Amino acid sequence: MIDNIHVIVILNGIYDIACSLSILGIIDSPFLSIIHLNLFIFETNQLFKRCLAYWIFTYGIIRMTNSSKLIPYSYYIEALFFANEILNGTVYILPTLFVVVTSIFIGIWYHIEDLELFVE
């Protein structure tokens, strides 16, 4: 059975892949290409942009799988990465804090729903 959290995660995976392909210039969407990049205070170079896009693509693919072990950890790693950037002062605090809190929330929600599947 597919519940709300699984739909959210799959849609988020599609969104992540679209954003990463836009950052890489594979698809033409100026809006999608700047969403993640606008979190950063400083001007980013091309290598940084490509590495960020590859990383976003990677966790987007993970979120599109049915791997209940990996999916929540992709959110925890994303939260940890962006929390570290907040501590280093390289990102705008409020939008990045939103990413951190949302990622932790989705990871925990996924864990809880996944555990409930085994109880039923």
Protein backbone atom coordinates (compact mmCIF):
# COMPACT_ATOMS: atom_id res chain seq x y z
CA MET A 1 0.00 0.00 0.00
CA ILE A 2 1.28 3.45 -0.89
CA ASP A 3 0.61 6.02 1.80
CA ASN A 4 1.10 9.78 1.87
CA ILE A 5 4.75 9.75 2.89
CA HIS A 6 5.70 7.42 0.05
CA VAL A 7 3.98 9.69 -2.47
CA ILE A 8 5.72 12.74 -0.98
CA VAL A 9 9.11 11.01 -1.15
CA ILE A 10 8.63 9.90 -4.77
CA LEU A 11 7.50 13.39 -5.81
CA ASN A 12 10.45 14.88 -3.93
CA GLY A 13 12.77 12.49 -5.76
CA ILE A 14 11.37 13.61 -9.12
CA TYR A 15 11.76 17.25 -8.04
CA ASP A 16 15.38 16.64 -6.94
CA ILE A 17 16.26 14.97 -10.24
CA ALA A 18 14.63 17.80 -12.22
CA CYS A 19 16.55 20.41 -10.18
CA SER A 20 19.85 18.60 -10.66
CA LEU A 21 19.35 18.22 -14.41
CA SER A 22 18.49 21.90 -14.60
CA ILE A 23 21.64 22.90 -12.69
CA LEU A 24 23.65 20.75 -15.12
CA GLY A 25 21.95 22.46 -18.06
CA ILE A 26 20.43 19.22 -19.35
CA ILE A 27 16.93 20.62 -19.05
CA ASP A 28 16.15 24.29 -19.48
CA SER A 29 14.44 25.58 -16.38
CA PRO A 30 16.00 28.69 -14.84
CA PHE A 31 13.62 28.44 -11.87
CA LEU A 32 14.61 24.86 -10.98
CA SER A 33 18.30 25.55 -11.44
CA ILE A 34 18.42 28.34 -8.86
CA ILE A 35 16.34 26.86 -6.03
CA HIS A 36 19.25 25.02 -4.37
CA LEU A 37 21.92 27.46 -5.53
CA ASN A 38 20.12 30.44 -3.99
CA LEU A 39 20.59 28.94 -0.53
CA PHE A 40 24.28 29.83 -0.76
CA ILE A 41 25.45 33.33 0.15
CA PHE A 42 28.61 33.34 -1.95
CA GLU A 43 28.90 33.06 -5.71
CA THR A 44 29.38 29.43 -6.66
CA ASN A 45 31.77 28.23 -9.35
CA GLN A 46 30.96 25.71 -12.08
CA LEU A 47 32.66 22.78 -10.33
CA PHE A 48 30.67 23.42 -7.15
CA LYS A 49 27.45 23.63 -9.16
CA ARG A 50 28.14 20.33 -10.94
CA CYS A 51 29.09 18.53 -7.71
CA LEU A 52 25.98 19.85 -5.97
CA ALA A 53 23.85 18.76 -8.94
CA TYR A 54 25.37 15.25 -8.92
CA TRP A 55 24.71 14.96 -5.18
CA ILE A 56 21.11 16.18 -5.56
CA PHE A 57 20.64 13.72 -8.43
CA THR A 58 22.00 10.88 -6.26
CA TYR A 59 19.60 11.43 -3.40
CA GLY A 60 16.78 12.00 -5.88
CA ILE A 61 17.41 8.55 -7.34
CA ILE A 62 17.56 7.02 -3.84
CA ARG A 63 14.18 8.58 -3.04
CA MET A 64 12.65 7.06 -6.17
CA THR A 65 13.65 3.55 -5.12
CA ASN A 66 11.74 1.36 -2.73
CA SER A 67 14.65 1.09 -0.31
CA SER A 68 13.14 1.68 3.10
CA LYS A 69 16.61 1.48 4.62
CA LEU A 70 18.20 4.19 2.45
CA ILE A 71 15.42 6.71 1.91
CA PRO A 72 15.21 8.19 5.44
CA TYR A 73 18.99 8.40 5.66
CA SER A 74 19.09 10.41 2.42
CA TYR A 75 17.02 13.02 4.27
CA TYR A 76 19.18 12.88 7.42
CA ILE A 77 22.34 13.33 5.34
CA GLU A 78 20.78 16.28 3.50
CA ALA A 79 19.81 17.84 6.85
CA LEU A 80 23.31 17.28 8.24
CA PHE A 81 24.97 18.78 5.16
CA PHE A 82 22.86 21.93 5.20
CA ALA A 83 23.10 22.27 9.01
CA ASN A 84 26.87 22.23 8.61
CA GLU A 85 26.62 24.96 5.97
CA ILE A 86 24.54 27.05 8.40
CA LEU A 87 27.24 26.63 11.05
CA ASN A 88 29.90 27.67 8.52
CA GLY A 89 27.94 30.76 7.50
CA THR A 90 27.85 29.88 3.80
CA VAL A 91 24.05 29.79 3.40
CA TYR A 92 21.06 31.97 4.18
CA ILE A 93 19.79 30.78 7.56
CA LEU A 94 15.98 30.79 7.25
CA PRO A 95 15.53 28.99 3.92
CA THR A 96 18.28 26.53 4.80
CA LEU A 97 16.81 25.92 8.25
CA PHE A 98 13.54 25.10 6.47
CA VAL A 99 15.42 22.47 4.42
CA VAL A 100 17.03 21.02 7.56
CA VAL A 101 13.81 20.80 9.58
CA THR A 102 11.78 19.47 6.66
CA SER A 103 14.40 16.83 5.85
CA ILE A 104 14.51 15.61 9.45
CA PHE A 105 10.71 15.58 9.62
CA ILE A 106 10.34 13.58 6.39
CA GLY A 107 13.07 11.14 7.46
CA ILE A 108 11.39 10.49 10.82
CA TRP A 109 7.92 10.28 9.23
CA TYR A 110 9.21 7.74 6.71
CA HIS A 111 10.83 5.69 9.49
CA ILE A 112 7.59 5.66 11.50
CA GLU A 113 5.45 4.69 8.51
CA ASP A 114 7.94 2.01 7.52
CA LEU A 115 7.86 0.51 11.03
CA GLU A 116 4.05 0.49 10.99
CA LEU A 117 4.09 -1.56 7.78
CA PHE A 118 5.85 -4.35 9.65
CA VAL A 119 3.40 -4.22 12.57
CA GLU A 120 0.26 -4.74 10.47
